[in-house]
Amino acid sequence: MGMIKEFKEFAMRGNVVDMAVGIIIGGAFGKIVTSMVNDVIMPPIGKAMGNVNFADLYFNLDSSKGPFKSLADAKAAGAAVIAYGSFISTVIDFIIVAFCVFMMIKVMNSMTKRLSAPAPAAEPTNKECPFCFSSIPIKATRCPNCTSEIKK
C-alpha cells in the first residue's frame, strides 16, 4: 500500500498535473497547426505553383512496378516511395509550431522580467559623523560619540 500512496502523491503534485495539461494542450495545438498547414496554407501555395498537390509529391524508388498517377496508387501497389510533399508540409508545420512556442516563451520571459524588477533602494537611515566617522542617525544634529555638532 505504501507504493500506491507514494505514486498517488507523485501524480497529484502540481508540476506533474501542469505537465500533463501542457502535453494535452500541445497535442491539440499541434492538430490545429497541422490542419492549418494542410488545409489553409498548402492549397494556395500549390495553386500558385501550377495546381501542385503537395500530398501527391513523391519519388518512385521502385520503377519495376510502373509509373503511378498518385502517391495513394503507389502505396496501394506496394512501391517504395519517398513522399517529399508530406515532408515539406511537416517541415512547415514544425516551423509554425516552433515559432509559436518561441513567441510564447518570449512573452513569458518579458513578463517575468517585469514582475521581478528590482525594488527601489531604501533610503539610508544612518550617516557617518565627519569628525569621528561613527554611524549616527540621519536626522542627528550632534554626534552622540564625539559630541561634535553636525551641519546638514
N, C-alpha and C. Protein backbone atom coordinates (compact mmCIF):
# COMPACT_ATOMS: atom_id res chain seq x y z
N MET A 1 0.82 -1.20 0.00
CA MET A 1 0.00 0.00 0.00
C MET A 1 0.87 1.26 0.00
N GLY A 2 2.08 1.18 0.53
CA GLY A 2 2.95 2.35 0.59
C GLY A 2 3.32 2.87 -0.79
N MET A 3 3.56 1.95 -1.74
CA MET A 3 3.94 2.36 -3.08
C MET A 3 2.78 3.05 -3.79
N ILE A 4 1.56 2.58 -3.59
CA ILE A 4 0.39 3.18 -4.22
C ILE A 4 0.18 4.60 -3.68
N LYS A 5 0.33 4.77 -2.38
CA LYS A 5 0.18 6.09 -1.77
C LYS A 5 1.26 7.04 -2.29
N GLU A 6 2.48 6.55 -2.38
CA GLU A 6 3.59 7.36 -2.87
C GLU A 6 3.35 7.77 -4.33
N PHE A 7 2.86 6.82 -5.15
CA PHE A 7 2.57 7.13 -6.55
C PHE A 7 1.46 8.18 -6.64
N LYS A 8 0.43 8.04 -5.81
CA LYS A 8 -0.68 9.00 -5.82
C LYS A 8 -0.17 10.39 -5.47
N GLU A 9 0.70 10.50 -4.47
CA GLU A 9 1.27 11.79 -4.10
C GLU A 9 2.10 12.37 -5.24
N PHE A 10 2.86 11.51 -5.90
CA PHE A 10 3.68 11.96 -7.04
C PHE A 10 2.79 12.46 -8.18
N ALA A 11 1.77 11.69 -8.51
CA ALA A 11 0.91 12.03 -9.64
C ALA A 11 0.08 13.28 -9.39
N MET A 12 -0.21 13.58 -8.14
CA MET A 12 -1.05 14.73 -7.84
C MET A 12 -0.25 16.00 -7.54
N ARG A 13 1.06 15.94 -7.63
CA ARG A 13 1.86 17.15 -7.46
C ARG A 13 1.50 18.13 -8.54
N GLY A 14 1.62 19.39 -8.24
CA GLY A 14 1.25 20.43 -9.20
C GLY A 14 2.03 20.36 -10.49
N ASN A 15 3.35 20.10 -10.42
CA ASN A 15 4.13 20.13 -11.65
C ASN A 15 3.80 18.96 -12.57
N VAL A 16 3.43 17.81 -12.03
CA VAL A 16 3.06 16.67 -12.87
C VAL A 16 1.73 16.95 -13.56
N VAL A 17 0.78 17.50 -12.83
CA VAL A 17 -0.52 17.84 -13.40
C VAL A 17 -0.35 18.94 -14.45
N ASP A 18 0.48 19.94 -14.16
CA ASP A 18 0.74 21.02 -15.13
C ASP A 18 1.36 20.46 -16.40
N MET A 19 2.29 19.53 -16.25
CA MET A 19 2.93 18.93 -17.42
C MET A 19 1.91 18.16 -18.25
N ALA A 20 1.04 17.42 -17.60
CA ALA A 20 0.01 16.65 -18.32
C ALA A 20 -0.92 17.59 -19.09
N VAL A 21 -1.33 18.67 -18.45
CA VAL A 21 -2.19 19.65 -19.12
C VAL A 21 -1.45 20.25 -20.31
N GLY A 22 -0.17 20.57 -20.14
CA GLY A 22 0.63 21.13 -21.23
C GLY A 22 0.74 20.18 -22.41
N ILE A 23 0.92 18.90 -22.13
CA ILE A 23 1.02 17.91 -23.21
C ILE A 23 -0.30 17.79 -23.96
N ILE A 24 -1.40 17.78 -23.22
CA ILE A 24 -2.72 17.69 -23.86
C ILE A 24 -3.00 18.92 -24.72
N ILE A 25 -2.75 20.10 -24.17
CA ILE A 25 -2.96 21.34 -24.92
C ILE A 25 -2.02 21.39 -26.11
N GLY A 26 -0.77 20.96 -25.93
CA GLY A 26 0.20 20.95 -27.03
C GLY A 26 -0.22 20.02 -28.15
N GLY A 27 -0.76 18.86 -27.81
CA GLY A 27 -1.25 17.93 -28.82
C GLY A 27 -2.41 18.53 -29.62
N ALA A 28 -3.32 19.17 -28.90
CA ALA A 28 -4.46 19.81 -29.58
C ALA A 28 -3.98 20.95 -30.46
N PHE A 29 -3.03 21.73 -29.96
CA PHE A 29 -2.48 22.84 -30.74
C PHE A 29 -1.77 22.31 -31.99
N GLY A 30 -1.06 21.21 -31.84
CA GLY A 30 -0.38 20.60 -32.98
C GLY A 30 -1.36 20.18 -34.06
N LYS A 31 -2.51 19.64 -33.65
CA LYS A 31 -3.53 19.24 -34.63
C LYS A 31 -4.09 20.46 -35.36
N ILE A 32 -4.28 21.55 -34.63
CA ILE A 32 -4.78 22.78 -35.25
C ILE A 32 -3.78 23.29 -36.27
N VAL A 33 -2.50 23.32 -35.90
CA VAL A 33 -1.47 23.80 -36.82
C VAL A 33 -1.36 22.88 -38.03
N THR A 34 -1.43 21.58 -37.82
CA THR A 34 -1.37 20.64 -38.95
C THR A 34 -2.53 20.87 -39.91
N SER A 35 -3.70 21.08 -39.38
CA SER A 35 -4.86 21.36 -40.22
C SER A 35 -4.68 22.68 -40.97
N MET A 36 -4.16 23.68 -40.27
CA MET A 36 -3.93 24.97 -40.91
C MET A 36 -2.94 24.83 -42.07
N VAL A 37 -1.86 24.08 -41.85
CA VAL A 37 -0.86 23.89 -42.90
C VAL A 37 -1.46 23.12 -44.07
N ASN A 38 -2.07 21.97 -43.79
CA ASN A 38 -2.58 21.11 -44.86
C ASN A 38 -3.81 21.67 -45.56
N ASP A 39 -4.67 22.37 -44.83
CA ASP A 39 -5.95 22.79 -45.39
C ASP A 39 -6.02 24.27 -45.78
N VAL A 40 -5.13 25.09 -45.21
CA VAL A 40 -5.21 26.52 -45.48
C VAL A 40 -3.97 27.05 -46.20
N ILE A 41 -2.78 26.66 -45.75
CA ILE A 41 -1.55 27.23 -46.31
C ILE A 41 -1.11 26.52 -47.59
N MET A 42 -1.07 25.19 -47.57
CA MET A 42 -0.53 24.46 -48.72
C MET A 42 -1.39 24.55 -49.98
N PRO A 43 -2.73 24.53 -49.91
CA PRO A 43 -3.50 24.64 -51.15
C PRO A 43 -3.22 25.91 -51.97
N PRO A 44 -3.17 27.11 -51.34
CA PRO A 44 -2.84 28.29 -52.15
C PRO A 44 -1.41 28.25 -52.71
N ILE A 45 -0.48 27.71 -51.93
CA ILE A 45 0.90 27.59 -52.43
C ILE A 45 0.91 26.64 -53.62
N GLY A 46 0.21 25.53 -53.52
CA GLY A 46 0.12 24.58 -54.62
C GLY A 46 -0.55 25.20 -55.84
N LYS A 47 -1.59 25.99 -55.61
CA LYS A 47 -2.28 26.66 -56.72
C LYS A 47 -1.35 27.65 -57.40
N ALA A 48 -0.58 28.40 -56.61
CA ALA A 48 0.36 29.37 -57.17
C ALA A 48 1.48 28.68 -57.95
N MET A 49 1.79 27.45 -57.59
CA MET A 49 2.86 26.72 -58.27
C MET A 49 2.32 25.90 -59.44
N GLY A 50 1.12 26.17 -59.89
CA GLY A 50 0.59 25.48 -61.05
C GLY A 50 -0.23 24.26 -60.70
N ASN A 51 -1.14 24.40 -59.73
CA ASN A 51 -2.03 23.32 -59.30
C ASN A 51 -1.29 22.09 -58.79
N VAL A 52 -0.26 22.31 -57.99
CA VAL A 52 0.50 21.20 -57.40
C VAL A 52 -0.18 20.78 -56.11
N ASN A 53 -0.41 19.48 -55.96
CA ASN A 53 -0.94 18.94 -54.71
C ASN A 53 0.25 18.38 -53.93
N PHE A 54 0.64 19.05 -52.85
CA PHE A 54 1.82 18.64 -52.10
C PHE A 54 1.68 17.24 -51.53
N ALA A 55 0.46 16.83 -51.23
CA ALA A 55 0.26 15.49 -50.67
C ALA A 55 0.64 14.41 -51.68
N ASP A 56 0.63 14.73 -52.98
CA ASP A 56 0.94 13.75 -54.02
C ASP A 56 2.37 13.84 -54.54
N LEU A 57 3.19 14.69 -53.97
CA LEU A 57 4.57 14.80 -54.45
C LEU A 57 5.39 13.66 -53.86
N TYR A 58 6.02 12.88 -54.75
CA TYR A 58 6.81 11.73 -54.28
C TYR A 58 7.80 11.32 -55.38
N PHE A 59 8.80 10.57 -54.94
CA PHE A 59 9.74 9.92 -55.86
C PHE A 59 9.46 8.42 -55.79
N ASN A 60 9.29 7.80 -56.95
CA ASN A 60 9.08 6.36 -57.00
C ASN A 60 10.44 5.68 -57.00
N LEU A 61 10.73 4.90 -56.00
CA LEU A 61 12.01 4.19 -55.90
C LEU A 61 11.95 2.80 -56.53
N ASP A 62 10.75 2.36 -56.90
CA ASP A 62 10.55 1.02 -57.45
C ASP A 62 9.94 1.14 -58.85
N SER A 63 10.79 1.45 -59.84
CA SER A 63 10.28 1.68 -61.20
C SER A 63 9.77 0.39 -61.85
N SER A 64 10.11 -0.78 -61.30
CA SER A 64 9.65 -2.04 -61.89
C SER A 64 8.13 -2.22 -61.74
N LYS A 65 7.54 -1.53 -60.78
CA LYS A 65 6.10 -1.67 -60.57
C LYS A 65 5.33 -0.67 -61.42
N GLY A 66 6.04 0.16 -62.16
CA GLY A 66 5.40 1.05 -63.11
C GLY A 66 5.17 2.44 -62.59
N PRO A 67 4.84 3.35 -63.50
CA PRO A 67 4.51 4.72 -63.09
C PRO A 67 3.13 4.76 -62.43
N PHE A 68 2.97 5.69 -61.52
CA PHE A 68 1.72 5.83 -60.79
C PHE A 68 1.21 7.25 -60.93
N LYS A 69 -0.09 7.40 -60.92
CA LYS A 69 -0.68 8.74 -61.06
C LYS A 69 -0.68 9.51 -59.74
N SER A 70 -0.68 8.78 -58.63
CA SER A 70 -0.71 9.46 -57.33
C SER A 70 0.07 8.65 -56.31
N LEU A 71 0.34 9.30 -55.19
CA LEU A 71 1.03 8.65 -54.08
C LEU A 71 0.18 7.50 -53.54
N ALA A 72 -1.12 7.70 -53.50
CA ALA A 72 -2.02 6.65 -53.00
C ALA A 72 -1.94 5.41 -53.88
N ASP A 73 -1.86 5.60 -55.20
CA ASP A 73 -1.73 4.46 -56.11
C ASP A 73 -0.42 3.72 -55.90
N ALA A 74 0.66 4.49 -55.69
CA ALA A 74 1.97 3.88 -55.47
C ALA A 74 1.98 3.08 -54.17
N LYS A 75 1.40 3.64 -53.13
CA LYS A 75 1.35 2.92 -51.85
C LYS A 75 0.46 1.68 -51.94
N ALA A 76 -0.64 1.79 -52.67
CA ALA A 76 -1.54 0.65 -52.83
C ALA A 76 -0.85 -0.48 -53.57
N ALA A 77 0.05 -0.14 -54.50
CA ALA A 77 0.78 -1.17 -55.26
C ALA A 77 1.97 -1.70 -54.47
N GLY A 78 2.25 -1.10 -53.33
CA GLY A 78 3.37 -1.56 -52.50
C GLY A 78 4.72 -1.08 -53.00
N ALA A 79 4.74 -0.01 -53.76
CA ALA A 79 6.01 0.53 -54.27
C ALA A 79 6.71 1.33 -53.19
N ALA A 80 8.03 1.26 -53.20
CA ALA A 80 8.82 2.07 -52.27
C ALA A 80 8.89 3.49 -52.82
N VAL A 81 8.50 4.46 -51.98
CA VAL A 81 8.46 5.85 -52.43
C VAL A 81 9.07 6.76 -51.36
N ILE A 82 9.51 7.93 -51.80
CA ILE A 82 9.89 9.00 -50.89
C ILE A 82 8.82 10.07 -51.05
N ALA A 83 8.02 10.25 -50.02
CA ALA A 83 6.90 11.19 -50.07
C ALA A 83 7.39 12.56 -49.60
N TYR A 84 8.10 13.27 -50.48
CA TYR A 84 8.69 14.54 -50.08
C TYR A 84 7.65 15.65 -49.95
N GLY A 85 6.49 15.53 -50.56
CA GLY A 85 5.42 16.51 -50.38
C GLY A 85 4.91 16.53 -48.95
N SER A 86 4.73 15.35 -48.39
CA SER A 86 4.32 15.26 -46.98
C SER A 86 5.41 15.80 -46.07
N PHE A 87 6.65 15.55 -46.44
CA PHE A 87 7.77 16.06 -45.65
C PHE A 87 7.79 17.59 -45.66
N ILE A 88 7.55 18.19 -46.82
CA ILE A 88 7.52 19.66 -46.90
C ILE A 88 6.40 20.20 -46.00
N SER A 89 5.24 19.58 -46.04
CA SER A 89 4.13 20.02 -45.18
C SER A 89 4.48 19.87 -43.70
N THR A 90 5.16 18.79 -43.36
CA THR A 90 5.55 18.56 -41.96
C THR A 90 6.59 19.58 -41.50
N VAL A 91 7.51 19.94 -42.38
CA VAL A 91 8.53 20.96 -42.04
C VAL A 91 7.86 22.31 -41.81
N ILE A 92 6.92 22.68 -42.67
CA ILE A 92 6.20 23.94 -42.48
C ILE A 92 5.40 23.89 -41.18
N ASP A 93 4.79 22.77 -40.91
CA ASP A 93 4.05 22.55 -39.66
C ASP A 93 4.98 22.79 -38.46
N PHE A 94 6.16 22.17 -38.49
CA PHE A 94 7.13 22.32 -37.40
C PHE A 94 7.56 23.78 -37.23
N ILE A 95 7.82 24.46 -38.34
CA ILE A 95 8.28 25.85 -38.26
C ILE A 95 7.22 26.72 -37.60
N ILE A 96 5.96 26.50 -37.93
CA ILE A 96 4.88 27.28 -37.32
C ILE A 96 4.78 26.99 -35.82
N VAL A 97 4.82 25.71 -35.45
CA VAL A 97 4.76 25.36 -34.02
C VAL A 97 5.96 25.93 -33.28
N ALA A 98 7.16 25.79 -33.85
CA ALA A 98 8.37 26.31 -33.19
C ALA A 98 8.29 27.82 -33.04
N PHE A 99 7.78 28.52 -34.05
CA PHE A 99 7.65 29.97 -33.95
C PHE A 99 6.65 30.35 -32.86
N CYS A 100 5.53 29.64 -32.78
CA CYS A 100 4.53 29.92 -31.74
C CYS A 100 5.11 29.68 -30.34
N VAL A 101 5.86 28.60 -30.18
CA VAL A 101 6.49 28.32 -28.88
C VAL A 101 7.52 29.40 -28.56
N PHE A 102 8.30 29.82 -29.55
CA PHE A 102 9.29 30.88 -29.36
C PHE A 102 8.61 32.16 -28.89
N MET A 103 7.51 32.54 -29.56
CA MET A 103 6.80 33.77 -29.18
C MET A 103 6.21 33.66 -27.78
N MET A 104 5.68 32.49 -27.44
CA MET A 104 5.12 32.29 -26.12
C MET A 104 6.20 32.43 -25.04
N ILE A 105 7.36 31.84 -25.26
CA ILE A 105 8.46 31.93 -24.30
C ILE A 105 8.97 33.36 -24.21
N LYS A 106 9.03 34.04 -25.34
CA LYS A 106 9.47 35.43 -25.35
C LYS A 106 8.54 36.30 -24.50
N VAL A 107 7.23 36.10 -24.65
CA VAL A 107 6.26 36.85 -23.84
C VAL A 107 6.40 36.51 -22.37
N MET A 108 6.55 35.21 -22.07
CA MET A 108 6.70 34.80 -20.66
C MET A 108 7.96 35.40 -20.05
N ASN A 109 9.06 35.41 -20.79
CA ASN A 109 10.30 35.99 -20.27
C ASN A 109 10.17 37.48 -20.02
N SER A 110 9.50 38.20 -20.91
CA SER A 110 9.33 39.64 -20.70
C SER A 110 8.41 39.91 -19.50
N MET A 111 7.39 39.07 -19.31
CA MET A 111 6.52 39.23 -18.15
C MET A 111 7.29 38.94 -16.87
N THR A 112 8.13 37.91 -16.89
CA THR A 112 8.93 37.57 -15.72
C THR A 112 9.87 38.71 -15.36
N LYS A 113 10.47 39.33 -16.37
CA LYS A 113 11.38 40.46 -16.11
C LYS A 113 10.63 41.62 -15.49
N ARG A 114 9.42 41.90 -15.99
CA ARG A 114 8.64 43.00 -15.43
C ARG A 114 8.22 42.72 -14.00
N LEU A 115 7.81 41.48 -13.74
CA LEU A 115 7.34 41.15 -12.40
C LEU A 115 8.46 41.05 -11.39
N SER A 116 9.65 40.71 -11.84
CA SER A 116 10.77 40.57 -10.90
C SER A 116 11.73 41.74 -10.99
N ALA A 117 11.21 42.93 -11.32
CA ALA A 117 12.05 44.12 -11.38
C ALA A 117 12.59 44.40 -9.98
N PRO A 118 13.83 44.84 -9.89
CA PRO A 118 14.40 45.09 -8.56
C PRO A 118 13.65 46.20 -7.83
N ALA A 119 13.48 46.01 -6.53
CA ALA A 119 12.81 47.01 -5.71
C ALA A 119 13.71 48.23 -5.58
N PRO A 120 13.12 49.41 -5.50
CA PRO A 120 13.96 50.60 -5.36
C PRO A 120 14.74 50.54 -4.05
N ALA A 121 15.92 51.09 -4.09
CA ALA A 121 16.79 51.06 -2.91
C ALA A 121 16.16 51.86 -1.78
N ALA A 122 16.23 51.33 -0.58
CA ALA A 122 15.67 52.00 0.58
C ALA A 122 16.54 53.21 0.93
N GLU A 123 15.89 54.26 1.40
CA GLU A 123 16.64 55.45 1.79
C GLU A 123 17.46 55.13 3.03
N PRO A 124 18.65 55.67 3.09
CA PRO A 124 19.51 55.37 4.24
C PRO A 124 18.92 55.94 5.53
N THR A 125 19.14 55.22 6.62
CA THR A 125 18.67 55.68 7.93
C THR A 125 19.82 56.19 8.79
N ASN A 126 21.02 55.92 8.36
CA ASN A 126 22.20 56.35 9.11
C ASN A 126 23.14 57.15 8.20
N LYS A 127 23.99 57.95 8.84
CA LYS A 127 25.05 58.66 8.13
C LYS A 127 26.31 58.57 8.97
N GLU A 128 27.40 59.03 8.41
CA GLU A 128 28.68 58.94 9.09
C GLU A 128 29.05 60.31 9.66
N CYS A 129 29.49 60.32 10.91
CA CYS A 129 29.95 61.56 11.53
C CYS A 129 31.24 61.98 10.84
N PRO A 130 31.32 63.24 10.36
CA PRO A 130 32.53 63.67 9.66
C PRO A 130 33.75 63.86 10.58
N PHE A 131 33.54 63.82 11.89
CA PHE A 131 34.64 64.04 12.82
C PHE A 131 35.21 62.73 13.37
N CYS A 132 34.31 61.82 13.84
CA CYS A 132 34.81 60.58 14.42
C CYS A 132 34.50 59.35 13.55
N PHE A 133 33.81 59.56 12.44
CA PHE A 133 33.48 58.52 11.47
C PHE A 133 32.64 57.37 12.03
N SER A 134 31.88 57.62 13.09
CA SER A 134 30.97 56.61 13.61
C SER A 134 29.61 56.77 12.93
N SER A 135 28.80 55.74 12.99
CA SER A 135 27.49 55.75 12.37
C SER A 135 26.50 56.40 13.31
N ILE A 136 25.76 57.39 12.77
CA ILE A 136 24.78 58.11 13.59
C ILE A 136 23.47 58.19 12.80
N PRO A 137 22.31 58.41 13.48
CA PRO A 137 21.04 58.56 12.77
C PRO A 137 21.11 59.73 11.78
N ILE A 138 20.39 59.61 10.69
CA ILE A 138 20.45 60.60 9.61
C ILE A 138 19.94 61.96 10.06
N LYS A 139 19.01 62.00 11.02
CA LYS A 139 18.44 63.27 11.48
C LYS A 139 19.25 63.91 12.62
N ALA A 140 20.29 63.25 13.05
CA ALA A 140 21.07 63.76 14.19
C ALA A 140 21.77 65.07 13.81
N THR A 141 21.78 66.01 14.77
CA THR A 141 22.49 67.28 14.57
C THR A 141 23.75 67.34 15.42
N ARG A 142 23.90 66.36 16.33
CA ARG A 142 25.09 66.28 17.17
C ARG A 142 25.45 64.80 17.30
N CYS A 143 26.72 64.48 17.17
CA CYS A 143 27.19 63.10 17.27
C CYS A 143 27.16 62.66 18.73
N PRO A 144 26.53 61.51 19.02
CA PRO A 144 26.46 61.04 20.40
C PRO A 144 27.80 60.49 20.89
N ASN A 145 28.72 60.23 19.98
CA ASN A 145 30.00 59.67 20.38
C ASN A 145 31.04 60.73 20.68
N CYS A 146 31.19 61.71 19.78
CA CYS A 146 32.22 62.73 19.98
C CYS A 146 31.64 64.09 20.34
N THR A 147 30.33 64.21 20.40
CA THR A 147 29.55 65.41 20.73
C THR A 147 29.79 66.58 19.78
N SER A 148 30.30 66.27 18.59
CA SER A 148 30.51 67.35 17.61
C SER A 148 29.17 67.72 17.01
N GLU A 149 29.06 69.02 16.67
CA GLU A 149 27.84 69.48 16.04
C GLU A 149 27.94 69.18 14.54
N ILE A 150 26.87 68.58 14.01
CA ILE A 150 26.83 68.15 12.61
C ILE A 150 25.98 69.15 11.84
N LYS A 151 26.54 69.71 10.78
CA LYS A 151 25.78 70.62 9.94
C LYS A 151 25.11 69.80 8.85
N LYS A 152 23.93 70.23 8.47
CA LYS A 152 23.17 69.49 7.45
C LYS A 152 23.65 69.76 6.09
